[in-house]
N, C-alpha and C. Protein backbone atom coordinates (compact mmCIF):
# COMPACT_ATOMS: atom_id res chain seq x y z
N UNK A 1 69.12 -39.85 -22.45
CA UNK A 1 67.68 -39.63 -22.32
C UNK A 1 67.38 -38.21 -22.11
N UNK A 2 66.35 -37.72 -22.69
CA UNK A 2 65.91 -36.29 -22.60
C UNK A 2 64.69 -36.24 -21.65
N UNK A 3 64.68 -35.21 -20.77
CA UNK A 3 63.64 -34.97 -19.84
C UNK A 3 63.22 -33.58 -19.88
N UNK A 4 61.90 -33.32 -19.83
CA UNK A 4 61.35 -31.99 -19.89
C UNK A 4 61.17 -31.54 -18.48
N UNK A 5 61.56 -30.23 -18.18
CA UNK A 5 61.40 -29.61 -16.94
C UNK A 5 60.73 -28.24 -17.17
N UNK A 6 60.47 -27.48 -16.08
CA UNK A 6 59.79 -26.16 -16.24
C UNK A 6 60.78 -25.16 -17.00
N UNK A 7 62.10 -25.48 -17.03
CA UNK A 7 63.00 -24.59 -17.73
C UNK A 7 63.46 -25.12 -19.07
N UNK A 8 62.90 -26.21 -19.51
CA UNK A 8 63.29 -26.77 -20.83
C UNK A 8 63.63 -28.22 -20.81
N UNK A 9 64.14 -28.70 -21.96
CA UNK A 9 64.54 -30.09 -22.08
C UNK A 9 66.00 -30.29 -21.76
N UNK A 10 66.27 -31.40 -21.10
CA UNK A 10 67.64 -31.63 -20.64
C UNK A 10 68.05 -33.09 -20.97
N UNK A 11 69.30 -33.28 -21.39
CA UNK A 11 69.73 -34.61 -21.64
C UNK A 11 70.49 -35.12 -20.47
N UNK A 12 70.15 -36.35 -20.01
CA UNK A 12 70.81 -37.01 -18.97
C UNK A 12 71.78 -38.03 -19.51
N UNK A 13 72.94 -38.22 -18.90
CA UNK A 13 73.96 -39.18 -19.41
C UNK A 13 73.31 -40.57 -19.45
N UNK A 14 72.72 -40.95 -18.32
CA UNK A 14 72.10 -42.26 -18.26
C UNK A 14 70.94 -42.18 -17.20
N UNK A 15 69.84 -42.84 -17.37
CA UNK A 15 68.77 -42.65 -16.43
C UNK A 15 67.84 -43.96 -16.35
N UNK A 16 67.30 -44.14 -15.19
CA UNK A 16 66.25 -45.06 -14.98
C UNK A 16 64.99 -44.22 -14.83
N UNK A 17 64.23 -44.18 -15.92
CA UNK A 17 63.11 -43.25 -15.98
C UNK A 17 62.00 -43.53 -14.97
N UNK A 18 61.63 -44.78 -14.80
CA UNK A 18 60.61 -45.18 -13.90
C UNK A 18 60.93 -44.74 -12.46
N UNK A 19 62.15 -45.01 -12.08
CA UNK A 19 62.66 -44.67 -10.73
C UNK A 19 63.08 -43.26 -10.56
N UNK A 20 63.22 -42.47 -11.66
CA UNK A 20 63.67 -41.12 -11.63
C UNK A 20 65.02 -41.02 -11.01
N UNK A 21 65.92 -41.88 -11.45
CA UNK A 21 67.36 -41.84 -11.07
C UNK A 21 68.20 -41.53 -12.28
N UNK A 22 69.05 -40.50 -12.09
CA UNK A 22 69.90 -40.09 -13.24
C UNK A 22 71.32 -40.39 -12.83
N UNK A 23 72.16 -40.98 -13.69
CA UNK A 23 73.58 -41.21 -13.52
C UNK A 23 74.29 -40.16 -14.41
N UNK A 24 75.13 -39.35 -13.80
CA UNK A 24 75.77 -38.22 -14.53
C UNK A 24 77.29 -38.37 -14.35
N UNK A 25 78.00 -38.34 -15.47
CA UNK A 25 79.41 -38.42 -15.47
C UNK A 25 80.00 -36.96 -15.32
N UNK A 26 80.89 -36.79 -14.41
CA UNK A 26 81.54 -35.46 -14.20
C UNK A 26 83.06 -35.67 -14.49
N UNK A 27 83.54 -34.61 -15.13
CA UNK A 27 85.08 -34.66 -15.48
C UNK A 27 85.52 -33.25 -15.78
N UNK A 28 86.78 -33.07 -15.85
CA UNK A 28 87.36 -31.79 -16.17
C UNK A 28 86.95 -31.16 -17.48
N UNK A 29 86.80 -32.03 -18.52
CA UNK A 29 86.43 -31.51 -19.83
C UNK A 29 85.08 -30.81 -19.75
N UNK A 30 84.16 -31.35 -18.98
CA UNK A 30 82.80 -30.79 -18.87
C UNK A 30 82.84 -29.36 -18.28
N UNK A 31 83.71 -29.12 -17.35
CA UNK A 31 83.76 -27.86 -16.64
C UNK A 31 84.78 -26.84 -17.22
N UNK A 32 85.73 -27.33 -17.97
CA UNK A 32 86.80 -26.39 -18.41
C UNK A 32 87.04 -26.26 -19.91
N UNK A 33 86.49 -27.13 -20.76
CA UNK A 33 86.83 -27.17 -22.12
C UNK A 33 85.96 -26.34 -22.99
N UNK A 34 84.62 -26.40 -22.81
CA UNK A 34 83.70 -25.90 -23.82
C UNK A 34 83.19 -24.48 -23.55
N UNK A 35 83.20 -24.08 -22.33
CA UNK A 35 82.67 -22.73 -21.96
C UNK A 35 83.35 -22.23 -20.71
N UNK A 36 83.07 -20.99 -20.34
CA UNK A 36 83.65 -20.46 -19.09
C UNK A 36 83.15 -21.33 -17.94
N UNK A 37 84.00 -21.66 -17.02
CA UNK A 37 83.68 -22.53 -15.93
C UNK A 37 82.53 -22.01 -15.08
N UNK A 38 82.48 -20.71 -14.80
CA UNK A 38 81.44 -20.17 -13.94
C UNK A 38 80.07 -20.37 -14.65
N UNK A 39 80.07 -20.21 -15.95
CA UNK A 39 78.81 -20.34 -16.78
C UNK A 39 78.36 -21.81 -16.74
N UNK A 40 79.31 -22.73 -16.92
CA UNK A 40 79.02 -24.18 -16.97
C UNK A 40 78.41 -24.59 -15.63
N UNK A 41 79.05 -24.17 -14.54
CA UNK A 41 78.57 -24.55 -13.18
C UNK A 41 77.18 -23.95 -12.91
N UNK A 42 77.01 -22.74 -13.31
CA UNK A 42 75.66 -22.10 -13.10
C UNK A 42 74.57 -22.86 -13.87
N UNK A 43 74.86 -23.17 -15.17
CA UNK A 43 73.79 -23.85 -15.93
C UNK A 43 73.58 -25.27 -15.42
N UNK A 44 74.67 -25.99 -15.01
CA UNK A 44 74.62 -27.32 -14.46
C UNK A 44 73.72 -27.32 -13.19
N UNK A 45 73.93 -26.35 -12.34
CA UNK A 45 73.18 -26.23 -11.09
C UNK A 45 71.71 -25.96 -11.31
N UNK A 46 71.48 -25.00 -12.26
CA UNK A 46 70.10 -24.66 -12.63
C UNK A 46 69.36 -25.86 -13.16
N UNK A 47 70.00 -26.56 -14.04
CA UNK A 47 69.42 -27.79 -14.61
C UNK A 47 69.07 -28.80 -13.56
N UNK A 48 70.06 -29.04 -12.66
CA UNK A 48 69.91 -30.09 -11.63
C UNK A 48 68.79 -29.74 -10.68
N UNK A 49 68.69 -28.41 -10.34
CA UNK A 49 67.62 -28.00 -9.41
C UNK A 49 66.25 -28.26 -10.04
N UNK A 50 66.09 -27.98 -11.30
CA UNK A 50 64.80 -28.15 -11.98
C UNK A 50 64.44 -29.64 -12.01
N UNK A 51 65.44 -30.51 -12.22
CA UNK A 51 65.15 -31.93 -12.27
C UNK A 51 64.86 -32.47 -10.92
N UNK A 52 65.53 -31.99 -9.91
CA UNK A 52 65.31 -32.44 -8.52
C UNK A 52 63.86 -32.02 -8.06
N UNK A 53 63.51 -30.87 -8.49
CA UNK A 53 62.08 -30.36 -8.18
C UNK A 53 61.04 -31.34 -8.78
N UNK A 54 61.41 -31.98 -9.89
CA UNK A 54 60.52 -32.94 -10.53
C UNK A 54 60.70 -34.36 -10.00
N UNK A 55 61.43 -34.50 -8.96
CA UNK A 55 61.59 -35.79 -8.24
C UNK A 55 62.80 -36.64 -8.70
N UNK A 56 63.68 -36.12 -9.47
CA UNK A 56 64.82 -36.85 -9.88
C UNK A 56 65.94 -36.90 -8.81
N UNK A 57 66.60 -38.03 -8.75
CA UNK A 57 67.73 -38.23 -7.83
C UNK A 57 69.01 -38.41 -8.67
N UNK A 58 70.08 -37.83 -8.28
CA UNK A 58 71.34 -37.92 -9.11
C UNK A 58 72.35 -38.75 -8.40
N UNK A 59 73.02 -39.60 -9.25
CA UNK A 59 74.23 -40.26 -8.88
C UNK A 59 75.35 -39.64 -9.73
N UNK A 60 76.32 -38.97 -9.08
CA UNK A 60 77.40 -38.34 -9.84
C UNK A 60 78.63 -39.16 -9.77
N UNK A 61 79.20 -39.50 -10.93
CA UNK A 61 80.37 -40.38 -10.95
C UNK A 61 81.44 -39.79 -11.81
N UNK A 62 82.67 -40.23 -11.54
CA UNK A 62 83.80 -39.93 -12.42
C UNK A 62 84.23 -41.30 -12.95
N UNK A 63 85.13 -41.22 -13.96
CA UNK A 63 85.57 -42.49 -14.59
C UNK A 63 86.15 -43.48 -13.56
N UNK A 64 86.93 -42.93 -12.56
CA UNK A 64 87.56 -43.78 -11.56
C UNK A 64 86.53 -44.61 -10.78
N UNK A 65 85.32 -44.08 -10.57
CA UNK A 65 84.25 -44.78 -9.90
C UNK A 65 83.88 -46.09 -10.55
N UNK A 66 84.03 -46.16 -11.85
CA UNK A 66 83.57 -47.30 -12.61
C UNK A 66 84.54 -48.47 -12.35
N UNK A 67 85.68 -48.19 -11.86
CA UNK A 67 86.66 -49.25 -11.62
C UNK A 67 86.61 -49.75 -10.13
N UNK A 68 85.78 -49.18 -9.38
CA UNK A 68 85.47 -49.62 -8.00
C UNK A 68 84.09 -50.28 -8.04
N UNK A 69 84.07 -51.46 -8.70
CA UNK A 69 82.81 -52.08 -9.06
C UNK A 69 81.80 -52.27 -7.91
N UNK A 70 82.23 -52.82 -6.89
CA UNK A 70 81.31 -53.12 -5.71
C UNK A 70 80.68 -51.86 -5.18
N UNK A 71 81.52 -50.85 -4.96
CA UNK A 71 81.06 -49.61 -4.43
C UNK A 71 80.09 -48.88 -5.40
N UNK A 72 80.47 -48.90 -6.68
CA UNK A 72 79.59 -48.34 -7.72
C UNK A 72 78.26 -49.06 -7.80
N UNK A 73 78.28 -50.37 -7.78
CA UNK A 73 77.03 -51.13 -7.79
C UNK A 73 76.16 -50.83 -6.60
N UNK A 74 76.84 -50.77 -5.43
CA UNK A 74 76.07 -50.43 -4.17
C UNK A 74 75.41 -49.09 -4.29
N UNK A 75 76.10 -48.09 -4.80
CA UNK A 75 75.54 -46.74 -4.87
C UNK A 75 74.36 -46.78 -5.79
N UNK A 76 74.41 -47.42 -6.97
CA UNK A 76 73.32 -47.50 -7.94
C UNK A 76 72.12 -48.21 -7.28
N UNK A 77 72.32 -49.33 -6.66
CA UNK A 77 71.27 -50.13 -6.09
C UNK A 77 70.56 -49.35 -4.97
N UNK A 78 71.35 -48.65 -4.19
CA UNK A 78 70.79 -47.82 -3.11
C UNK A 78 69.89 -46.73 -3.71
N UNK A 79 70.36 -46.07 -4.72
CA UNK A 79 69.53 -45.02 -5.33
C UNK A 79 68.25 -45.60 -5.96
N UNK A 80 68.34 -46.76 -6.55
CA UNK A 80 67.18 -47.36 -7.14
C UNK A 80 66.09 -47.87 -6.15
N UNK A 81 66.59 -48.12 -4.88
CA UNK A 81 65.67 -48.59 -3.82
C UNK A 81 65.11 -47.45 -3.02
N UNK A 82 65.56 -46.24 -3.18
CA UNK A 82 65.08 -45.11 -2.40
C UNK A 82 63.63 -44.80 -2.53
């Protein structure tokens, strides 16, 4: 899903638009494969700050989190109830 902020449009990995909850997958490829790590981290932080200013809440997960189903479900439900 794409979201507009004061600094531009951003793609979220998965989102509940009405609740303004974003689920983002983090992994090594994201931070080390496509660009300099310091640049990736800077841009990621800048993007997240702009979205948080607009009321978005982030759930950050790694692939291993998806295999801990009860904990993962609890995290998502807690975020949706906030």
